[in-house]
Amino acid sequence: MRQFKYFAGTVLVLAVLGAGAGLAWSALAPRTRYALVEGRWLLADPNTQTLIAADGWFALIAAAFGLVCGLVAYRFSGEHAIASVAGLGVGGIAGGLVAYLIGSSTAGEVVQAAAAGGFATQDRLGLTAFGVIMFWPVVAAGTFWALEFAITYRERRES
């Protein structure tokens, strides 16, 4: 039962941290401008690099949160390492999804031109490479594993 508490607690903490990651992503990543054309939202500039930049910022933020979460989990896991690593995996996915949902929901305003034949534009933030959501759990569990390997390797060499 205690293992489950460590697992559930880790998942809950990482999911809550996802809100902060989403707000950080929303503040740092550039938005992409879309124009309303014949009832459909299309890219205003097909050559824009903001889609790639938004994915990159998400990957950096998710990796940073994963690194910190892996370090903290290793420090406090004690005898509950398996539950902590499982929590890092599931919680990292949950945190990444929460970050995506919160970050992409803070989109820009719709702007409409008042002239005859006017047009509407909207700035949006989103992901095109959804695999970047996995940066958080992979980096978190990888950090935990790397610390465990380095410390146990050193202990074995000393004995």
N, C-alpha and C. Protein backbone atom coordinates (compact mmCIF):
# COMPACT_ATOMS: atom_id res chain seq x y z
N MET A 1 0.82 -1.19 0.00
CA MET A 1 0.00 0.00 0.00
C MET A 1 0.87 1.26 0.00
N ARG A 2 2.00 1.21 0.69
CA ARG A 2 2.88 2.37 0.74
C ARG A 2 3.50 2.66 -0.63
N GLN A 3 3.77 1.59 -1.39
CA GLN A 3 4.30 1.77 -2.75
C GLN A 3 3.29 2.53 -3.62
N PHE A 4 2.02 2.17 -3.47
CA PHE A 4 0.98 2.84 -4.24
C PHE A 4 0.88 4.31 -3.87
N LYS A 5 1.06 4.64 -2.61
CA LYS A 5 1.02 6.04 -2.19
C LYS A 5 2.15 6.84 -2.83
N TYR A 6 3.34 6.26 -2.92
CA TYR A 6 4.45 6.95 -3.59
C TYR A 6 4.16 7.13 -5.08
N PHE A 7 3.61 6.08 -5.69
CA PHE A 7 3.27 6.16 -7.11
C PHE A 7 2.21 7.24 -7.34
N ALA A 8 1.11 7.16 -6.62
CA ALA A 8 0.01 8.11 -6.81
C ALA A 8 0.43 9.53 -6.47
N GLY A 9 1.21 9.69 -5.42
CA GLY A 9 1.69 11.02 -5.05
C GLY A 9 2.58 11.62 -6.13
N THR A 10 3.44 10.81 -6.70
CA THR A 10 4.33 11.29 -7.77
C THR A 10 3.52 11.69 -8.99
N VAL A 11 2.55 10.88 -9.36
CA VAL A 11 1.70 11.19 -10.51
C VAL A 11 0.94 12.49 -10.27
N LEU A 12 0.39 12.64 -9.09
CA LEU A 12 -0.39 13.84 -8.77
C LEU A 12 0.48 15.10 -8.80
N VAL A 13 1.64 15.04 -8.20
CA VAL A 13 2.54 16.19 -8.19
C VAL A 13 2.95 16.59 -9.61
N LEU A 14 3.30 15.62 -10.43
CA LEU A 14 3.73 15.93 -11.79
C LEU A 14 2.58 16.47 -12.64
N ALA A 15 1.37 15.96 -12.42
CA ALA A 15 0.22 16.49 -13.16
C ALA A 15 -0.04 17.94 -12.79
N VAL A 16 0.09 18.27 -11.51
CA VAL A 16 -0.09 19.66 -11.07
C VAL A 16 1.02 20.54 -11.64
N LEU A 17 2.25 20.03 -11.66
CA LEU A 17 3.36 20.80 -12.24
C LEU A 17 3.15 21.05 -13.73
N GLY A 18 2.35 20.23 -14.37
CA GLY A 18 2.03 20.43 -15.78
C GLY A 18 1.38 21.77 -16.04
N ALA A 19 0.62 22.27 -15.07
CA ALA A 19 0.00 23.59 -15.24
C ALA A 19 1.07 24.67 -15.34
N GLY A 20 2.07 24.59 -14.50
CA GLY A 20 3.17 25.55 -14.56
C GLY A 20 3.96 25.44 -15.84
N ALA A 21 4.17 24.22 -16.30
CA ALA A 21 4.89 24.01 -17.56
C ALA A 21 4.09 24.58 -18.73
N GLY A 22 2.79 24.40 -18.69
CA GLY A 22 1.93 24.94 -19.76
C GLY A 22 1.95 26.45 -19.80
N LEU A 23 1.94 27.08 -18.62
CA LEU A 23 2.01 28.55 -18.57
C LEU A 23 3.37 29.04 -19.04
N ALA A 24 4.43 28.33 -18.68
CA ALA A 24 5.77 28.70 -19.14
C ALA A 24 5.86 28.58 -20.65
N TRP A 25 5.33 27.50 -21.21
CA TRP A 25 5.34 27.30 -22.66
C TRP A 25 4.54 28.40 -23.35
N SER A 26 3.38 28.73 -22.79
CA SER A 26 2.56 29.78 -23.37
C SER A 26 3.26 31.14 -23.36
N ALA A 27 4.04 31.39 -22.31
CA ALA A 27 4.74 32.67 -22.20
C ALA A 27 5.96 32.75 -23.12
N LEU A 28 6.63 31.63 -23.37
CA LEU A 28 7.89 31.65 -24.11
C LEU A 28 7.76 31.34 -25.60
N ALA A 29 6.84 30.50 -25.96
CA ALA A 29 6.77 30.03 -27.36
C ALA A 29 6.04 31.04 -28.25
N PRO A 30 6.50 31.16 -29.49
CA PRO A 30 5.81 32.06 -30.42
C PRO A 30 4.51 31.45 -30.91
N ARG A 31 3.55 32.30 -31.18
CA ARG A 31 2.27 31.85 -31.71
C ARG A 31 2.29 31.91 -33.23
N THR A 32 1.46 31.09 -33.83
CA THR A 32 1.35 31.03 -35.28
C THR A 32 0.10 31.77 -35.72
N ARG A 33 0.24 32.60 -36.73
CA ARG A 33 -0.90 33.38 -37.23
C ARG A 33 -1.66 32.55 -38.26
N TYR A 34 -2.98 32.51 -38.09
CA TYR A 34 -3.89 31.85 -39.02
C TYR A 34 -4.86 32.89 -39.58
N ALA A 35 -5.29 32.68 -40.81
CA ALA A 35 -6.26 33.57 -41.45
C ALA A 35 -7.49 32.75 -41.81
N LEU A 36 -8.65 33.39 -41.67
CA LEU A 36 -9.91 32.74 -42.02
C LEU A 36 -10.14 32.91 -43.51
N VAL A 37 -10.10 31.80 -44.24
CA VAL A 37 -10.28 31.82 -45.69
C VAL A 37 -11.41 30.85 -46.04
N GLU A 38 -12.49 31.40 -46.57
CA GLU A 38 -13.64 30.60 -46.99
C GLU A 38 -14.11 29.67 -45.87
N GLY A 39 -14.17 30.20 -44.67
CA GLY A 39 -14.68 29.45 -43.53
C GLY A 39 -13.70 28.49 -42.88
N ARG A 40 -12.45 28.47 -43.34
CA ARG A 40 -11.44 27.58 -42.77
C ARG A 40 -10.26 28.39 -42.28
N TRP A 41 -9.68 27.98 -41.14
CA TRP A 41 -8.48 28.64 -40.62
C TRP A 41 -7.26 28.01 -41.28
N LEU A 42 -6.53 28.83 -42.03
CA LEU A 42 -5.32 28.38 -42.72
C LEU A 42 -4.14 29.21 -42.26
N LEU A 43 -2.93 28.65 -42.40
CA LEU A 43 -1.73 29.39 -42.04
C LEU A 43 -1.66 30.69 -42.83
N ALA A 44 -1.44 31.80 -42.15
CA ALA A 44 -1.31 33.08 -42.84
C ALA A 44 0.00 33.13 -43.64
N ASP A 45 1.04 32.48 -43.12
CA ASP A 45 2.34 32.42 -43.79
C ASP A 45 2.77 30.95 -43.85
N PRO A 46 2.62 30.30 -45.00
CA PRO A 46 2.97 28.88 -45.09
C PRO A 46 4.44 28.58 -44.81
N ASN A 47 5.30 29.58 -44.88
CA ASN A 47 6.73 29.38 -44.64
C ASN A 47 7.15 29.70 -43.21
N THR A 48 6.20 29.88 -42.34
CA THR A 48 6.52 30.26 -40.97
C THR A 48 7.29 29.15 -40.23
N GLN A 49 8.17 29.59 -39.35
CA GLN A 49 8.93 28.65 -38.52
C GLN A 49 8.38 28.57 -37.09
N THR A 50 7.28 29.28 -36.83
CA THR A 50 6.75 29.31 -35.48
C THR A 50 6.19 27.96 -35.03
N LEU A 51 5.74 27.15 -35.97
CA LEU A 51 5.25 25.81 -35.60
C LEU A 51 6.38 24.96 -35.03
N ILE A 52 7.53 25.02 -35.67
CA ILE A 52 8.69 24.26 -35.21
C ILE A 52 9.21 24.85 -33.90
N ALA A 53 9.22 26.17 -33.81
CA ALA A 53 9.70 26.82 -32.59
C ALA A 53 8.82 26.47 -31.39
N ALA A 54 7.51 26.40 -31.59
CA ALA A 54 6.61 26.04 -30.49
C ALA A 54 6.89 24.62 -30.00
N ASP A 55 7.14 23.70 -30.94
CA ASP A 55 7.51 22.33 -30.56
C ASP A 55 8.83 22.30 -29.80
N GLY A 56 9.78 23.09 -30.27
CA GLY A 56 11.09 23.15 -29.61
C GLY A 56 11.01 23.70 -28.20
N TRP A 57 10.24 24.76 -28.02
CA TRP A 57 10.07 25.32 -26.68
C TRP A 57 9.39 24.33 -25.75
N PHE A 58 8.39 23.62 -26.26
CA PHE A 58 7.72 22.61 -25.44
C PHE A 58 8.71 21.53 -25.04
N ALA A 59 9.52 21.08 -25.98
CA ALA A 59 10.50 20.03 -25.69
C ALA A 59 11.49 20.50 -24.62
N LEU A 60 11.98 21.72 -24.73
CA LEU A 60 12.92 22.25 -23.73
C LEU A 60 12.30 22.36 -22.35
N ILE A 61 11.09 22.87 -22.29
CA ILE A 61 10.42 23.03 -21.00
C ILE A 61 10.10 21.67 -20.39
N ALA A 62 9.60 20.75 -21.21
CA ALA A 62 9.28 19.40 -20.71
C ALA A 62 10.54 18.69 -20.22
N ALA A 63 11.64 18.83 -20.95
CA ALA A 63 12.89 18.20 -20.54
C ALA A 63 13.41 18.81 -19.24
N ALA A 64 13.30 20.13 -19.10
CA ALA A 64 13.74 20.78 -17.86
C ALA A 64 12.91 20.32 -16.66
N PHE A 65 11.60 20.25 -16.85
CA PHE A 65 10.75 19.75 -15.76
C PHE A 65 11.07 18.29 -15.47
N GLY A 66 11.33 17.49 -16.50
CA GLY A 66 11.68 16.09 -16.30
C GLY A 66 12.98 15.93 -15.53
N LEU A 67 13.97 16.75 -15.85
CA LEU A 67 15.26 16.69 -15.16
C LEU A 67 15.09 17.00 -13.67
N VAL A 68 14.38 18.07 -13.38
CA VAL A 68 14.17 18.45 -11.97
C VAL A 68 13.36 17.38 -11.25
N CYS A 69 12.32 16.87 -11.88
CA CYS A 69 11.48 15.84 -11.24
C CYS A 69 12.28 14.57 -11.00
N GLY A 70 13.13 14.19 -11.93
CA GLY A 70 13.96 13.00 -11.74
C GLY A 70 14.93 13.16 -10.59
N LEU A 71 15.55 14.34 -10.48
CA LEU A 71 16.47 14.60 -9.37
C LEU A 71 15.76 14.57 -8.02
N VAL A 72 14.62 15.23 -7.95
CA VAL A 72 13.87 15.28 -6.69
C VAL A 72 13.35 13.89 -6.32
N ALA A 73 12.84 13.16 -7.30
CA ALA A 73 12.33 11.81 -7.02
C ALA A 73 13.44 10.90 -6.52
N TYR A 74 14.61 11.01 -7.11
CA TYR A 74 15.72 10.17 -6.65
C TYR A 74 16.09 10.51 -5.21
N ARG A 75 16.09 11.78 -4.90
CA ARG A 75 16.47 12.24 -3.56
C ARG A 75 15.51 11.72 -2.49
N PHE A 76 14.23 11.65 -2.81
CA PHE A 76 13.23 11.32 -1.80
C PHE A 76 12.61 9.93 -1.95
N SER A 77 13.04 9.12 -2.90
CA SER A 77 12.39 7.83 -3.13
C SER A 77 12.73 6.79 -2.07
N GLY A 78 13.96 6.80 -1.59
CA GLY A 78 14.35 5.82 -0.58
C GLY A 78 14.16 4.40 -1.06
N GLU A 79 13.41 3.61 -0.31
CA GLU A 79 13.16 2.21 -0.65
C GLU A 79 12.02 2.05 -1.66
N HIS A 80 11.47 3.14 -2.11
CA HIS A 80 10.31 3.08 -3.00
C HIS A 80 10.69 3.51 -4.42
N ALA A 81 11.85 3.05 -4.87
CA ALA A 81 12.37 3.48 -6.17
C ALA A 81 11.48 3.05 -7.33
N ILE A 82 10.99 1.82 -7.29
CA ILE A 82 10.18 1.32 -8.41
C ILE A 82 8.89 2.12 -8.51
N ALA A 83 8.25 2.38 -7.39
CA ALA A 83 7.02 3.18 -7.40
C ALA A 83 7.30 4.60 -7.88
N SER A 84 8.43 5.15 -7.49
CA SER A 84 8.79 6.50 -7.91
C SER A 84 9.05 6.57 -9.41
N VAL A 85 9.77 5.61 -9.95
CA VAL A 85 10.05 5.62 -11.39
C VAL A 85 8.77 5.41 -12.18
N ALA A 86 7.92 4.51 -11.72
CA ALA A 86 6.63 4.32 -12.40
C ALA A 86 5.80 5.61 -12.34
N GLY A 87 5.84 6.27 -11.19
CA GLY A 87 5.14 7.54 -11.06
C GLY A 87 5.72 8.62 -11.95
N LEU A 88 7.04 8.60 -12.13
CA LEU A 88 7.67 9.56 -13.05
C LEU A 88 7.20 9.34 -14.48
N GLY A 89 7.05 8.08 -14.85
CA GLY A 89 6.59 7.77 -16.21
C GLY A 89 5.16 8.20 -16.44
N VAL A 90 4.27 7.75 -15.59
CA VAL A 90 2.84 8.07 -15.76
C VAL A 90 2.60 9.56 -15.47
N GLY A 91 3.22 10.06 -14.41
CA GLY A 91 3.04 11.48 -14.07
C GLY A 91 3.65 12.40 -15.10
N GLY A 92 4.75 11.98 -15.72
CA GLY A 92 5.36 12.79 -16.77
C GLY A 92 4.45 12.91 -17.98
N ILE A 93 3.79 11.82 -18.33
CA ILE A 93 2.83 11.87 -19.43
C ILE A 93 1.66 12.77 -19.06
N ALA A 94 1.15 12.60 -17.83
CA ALA A 94 0.04 13.44 -17.38
C ALA A 94 0.45 14.91 -17.35
N GLY A 95 1.63 15.20 -16.82
CA GLY A 95 2.11 16.58 -16.78
C GLY A 95 2.28 17.17 -18.16
N GLY A 96 2.80 16.37 -19.10
CA GLY A 96 2.95 16.84 -20.48
C GLY A 96 1.61 17.14 -21.13
N LEU A 97 0.64 16.29 -20.89
CA LEU A 97 -0.69 16.52 -21.46
C LEU A 97 -1.35 17.75 -20.84
N VAL A 98 -1.21 17.91 -19.53
CA VAL A 98 -1.76 19.11 -18.88
C VAL A 98 -1.07 20.36 -19.41
N ALA A 99 0.24 20.30 -19.57
CA ALA A 99 0.99 21.44 -20.11
C ALA A 99 0.50 21.79 -21.51
N TYR A 100 0.28 20.78 -22.33
CA TYR A 100 -0.22 21.03 -23.69
C TYR A 100 -1.60 21.66 -23.65
N LEU A 101 -2.49 21.11 -22.84
CA LEU A 101 -3.86 21.63 -22.79
C LEU A 101 -3.91 23.06 -22.27
N ILE A 102 -3.15 23.34 -21.22
CA ILE A 102 -3.16 24.70 -20.67
C ILE A 102 -2.45 25.67 -21.60
N GLY A 103 -1.29 25.29 -22.11
CA GLY A 103 -0.54 26.18 -22.98
C GLY A 103 -1.27 26.50 -24.27
N SER A 104 -1.92 25.52 -24.87
CA SER A 104 -2.61 25.76 -26.14
C SER A 104 -3.95 26.45 -25.95
N SER A 105 -4.49 26.45 -24.75
CA SER A 105 -5.77 27.12 -24.52
C SER A 105 -5.61 28.61 -24.28
N THR A 106 -4.39 29.07 -24.08
CA THR A 106 -4.16 30.50 -23.87
C THR A 106 -3.77 31.14 -25.20
N ALA A 107 -4.64 30.99 -26.19
CA ALA A 107 -4.35 31.48 -27.54
C ALA A 107 -4.61 32.98 -27.63
N GLY A 108 -4.18 33.53 -28.75
CA GLY A 108 -4.35 34.96 -29.00
C GLY A 108 -5.78 35.29 -29.38
N GLU A 109 -6.02 36.58 -29.57
CA GLU A 109 -7.34 37.06 -29.90
C GLU A 109 -7.60 36.94 -31.40
N VAL A 110 -8.88 36.92 -31.75
CA VAL A 110 -9.27 36.96 -33.15
C VAL A 110 -9.35 38.43 -33.55
N VAL A 111 -8.69 38.80 -34.65
CA VAL A 111 -8.69 40.16 -35.15
C VAL A 111 -9.40 40.18 -36.49
N GLN A 112 -10.39 41.08 -36.63
CA GLN A 112 -11.12 41.18 -37.88
C GLN A 112 -10.90 42.56 -38.48
N ALA A 113 -10.67 42.59 -39.77
CA ALA A 113 -10.54 43.85 -40.48
C ALA A 113 -11.94 44.41 -40.73
N ALA A 114 -12.10 45.73 -40.57
CA ALA A 114 -13.41 46.34 -40.69
C ALA A 114 -13.77 46.73 -42.11
N ALA A 115 -12.82 46.72 -43.01
CA ALA A 115 -13.08 47.16 -44.38
C ALA A 115 -13.93 46.15 -45.13
N ALA A 116 -14.49 46.61 -46.24
CA ALA A 116 -15.28 45.70 -47.09
C ALA A 116 -14.38 44.57 -47.56
N GLY A 117 -14.88 43.38 -47.52
CA GLY A 117 -14.07 42.22 -47.91
C GLY A 117 -12.99 41.95 -46.89
N GLY A 118 -13.23 42.38 -45.66
CA GLY A 118 -12.24 42.23 -44.60
C GLY A 118 -11.94 40.77 -44.31
N PHE A 119 -10.94 40.56 -43.51
CA PHE A 119 -10.52 39.21 -43.18
C PHE A 119 -10.32 39.10 -41.67
N ALA A 120 -10.25 37.88 -41.20
CA ALA A 120 -10.03 37.62 -39.78
C ALA A 120 -8.73 36.83 -39.62
N THR A 121 -7.98 37.15 -38.59
CA THR A 121 -6.77 36.40 -38.26
C THR A 121 -6.83 35.99 -36.81
N GLN A 122 -6.08 34.97 -36.49
CA GLN A 122 -6.01 34.49 -35.12
C GLN A 122 -4.61 33.93 -34.86
N ASP A 123 -4.07 34.23 -33.69
CA ASP A 123 -2.78 33.67 -33.28
C ASP A 123 -3.05 32.48 -32.37
N ARG A 124 -2.42 31.35 -32.70
CA ARG A 124 -2.63 30.12 -31.94
C ARG A 124 -1.28 29.53 -31.52
N LEU A 125 -1.34 28.78 -30.43
CA LEU A 125 -0.19 28.03 -29.97
C LEU A 125 -0.59 26.56 -29.92
N GLY A 126 0.20 25.72 -30.54
CA GLY A 126 -0.11 24.29 -30.56
C GLY A 126 1.12 23.48 -30.89
N LEU A 127 0.95 22.18 -30.88
CA LEU A 127 2.03 21.26 -31.21
C LEU A 127 1.76 20.64 -32.57
N THR A 128 2.81 20.44 -33.32
CA THR A 128 2.71 19.66 -34.55
C THR A 128 3.41 18.32 -34.38
N ALA A 129 4.35 18.24 -33.45
CA ALA A 129 5.07 17.00 -33.14
C ALA A 129 4.68 16.58 -31.72
N PHE A 130 3.62 15.79 -31.63
CA PHE A 130 3.10 15.43 -30.31
C PHE A 130 4.03 14.51 -29.52
N GLY A 131 5.04 13.99 -30.16
CA GLY A 131 6.02 13.16 -29.46
C GLY A 131 6.81 13.93 -28.42
N VAL A 132 6.85 15.27 -28.52
CA VAL A 132 7.60 16.05 -27.53
C VAL A 132 6.97 15.96 -26.14
N ILE A 133 5.73 15.52 -26.06
CA ILE A 133 5.10 15.31 -24.76
C ILE A 133 5.88 14.25 -23.97
N MET A 134 6.51 13.32 -24.68
CA MET A 134 7.24 12.25 -24.02
C MET A 134 8.60 12.68 -23.46
N PHE A 135 9.04 13.89 -23.76
CA PHE A 135 10.32 14.34 -23.21
C PHE A 135 10.29 14.34 -21.68
N TRP A 136 9.19 14.77 -21.09
CA TRP A 136 9.11 14.85 -19.64
C TRP A 136 9.32 13.49 -18.99
N PRO A 137 8.51 12.46 -19.29
CA PRO A 137 8.72 11.18 -18.60
C PRO A 137 10.04 10.51 -18.94
N VAL A 138 10.49 10.64 -20.18
CA VAL A 138 11.74 9.97 -20.57
C VAL A 138 12.93 10.61 -19.86
N VAL A 139 12.99 11.93 -19.81
CA VAL A 139 14.10 12.60 -19.14
C VAL A 139 14.03 12.36 -17.63
N ALA A 140 12.84 12.38 -17.06
CA ALA A 140 12.69 12.15 -15.61
C ALA A 140 13.17 10.75 -15.23
N ALA A 141 12.68 9.74 -15.93
CA ALA A 141 13.09 8.37 -15.61
C ALA A 141 14.56 8.15 -15.96
N GLY A 142 15.03 8.75 -17.03
CA GLY A 142 16.44 8.64 -17.41
C GLY A 142 17.36 9.26 -16.38
N THR A 143 16.97 10.40 -15.84
CA THR A 143 17.76 11.05 -14.79
C THR A 143 17.81 10.17 -13.55
N PHE A 144 16.67 9.62 -13.17
CA PHE A 144 16.62 8.73 -12.02
C PHE A 144 17.54 7.54 -12.23
N TRP A 145 17.45 6.92 -13.42
CA TRP A 145 18.29 5.76 -13.72
C TRP A 145 19.77 6.12 -13.72
N ALA A 146 20.12 7.24 -14.31
CA ALA A 146 21.53 7.65 -14.38
C ALA A 146 22.10 7.87 -12.98
N LEU A 147 21.34 8.50 -12.11
CA LEU A 147 21.80 8.69 -10.73
C LEU A 147 21.95 7.36 -10.01
N GLU A 148 20.98 6.51 -10.17
CA GLU A 148 21.04 5.19 -9.53
C GLU A 148 22.25 4.41 -10.02
N PHE A 149 22.49 4.42 -11.31
CA PHE A 149 23.63 3.70 -11.86
C PHE A 149 24.94 4.28 -11.34
N ALA A 150 25.09 5.59 -11.39
CA ALA A 150 26.34 6.23 -10.97
C ALA A 150 26.64 5.97 -9.50
N ILE A 151 25.64 6.08 -8.66
CA ILE A 151 25.87 5.92 -7.22
C ILE A 151 26.11 4.47 -6.86
N THR A 152 25.33 3.54 -7.41
CA THR A 152 25.57 2.13 -7.08
C THR A 152 26.88 1.63 -7.69
N TYR A 153 27.27 2.14 -8.84
CA TYR A 153 28.55 1.77 -9.43
C TYR A 153 29.70 2.20 -8.54
N ARG A 154 29.62 3.41 -8.04
CA ARG A 154 30.66 3.92 -7.14
C ARG A 154 30.70 3.10 -5.85
N GLU A 155 29.53 2.76 -5.30
CA GLU A 155 29.49 1.96 -4.07
C GLU A 155 30.08 0.58 -4.29
N ARG A 156 29.84 -0.03 -5.43
CA ARG A 156 30.38 -1.36 -5.71
C ARG A 156 31.90 -1.30 -5.87
N ARG A 157 32.40 -0.25 -6.44
CA ARG A 157 33.85 -0.12 -6.62
C ARG A 157 34.55 0.12 -5.28
N GLU A 158 33.87 0.78 -4.36
CA GLU A 158 34.49 1.05 -3.06
C GLU A 158 34.50 -0.18 -2.18
N SER A 159 33.62 -1.14 -2.40
CA SER A 159 33.58 -2.33 -1.53
C SER A 159 34.41 -3.47 -2.07
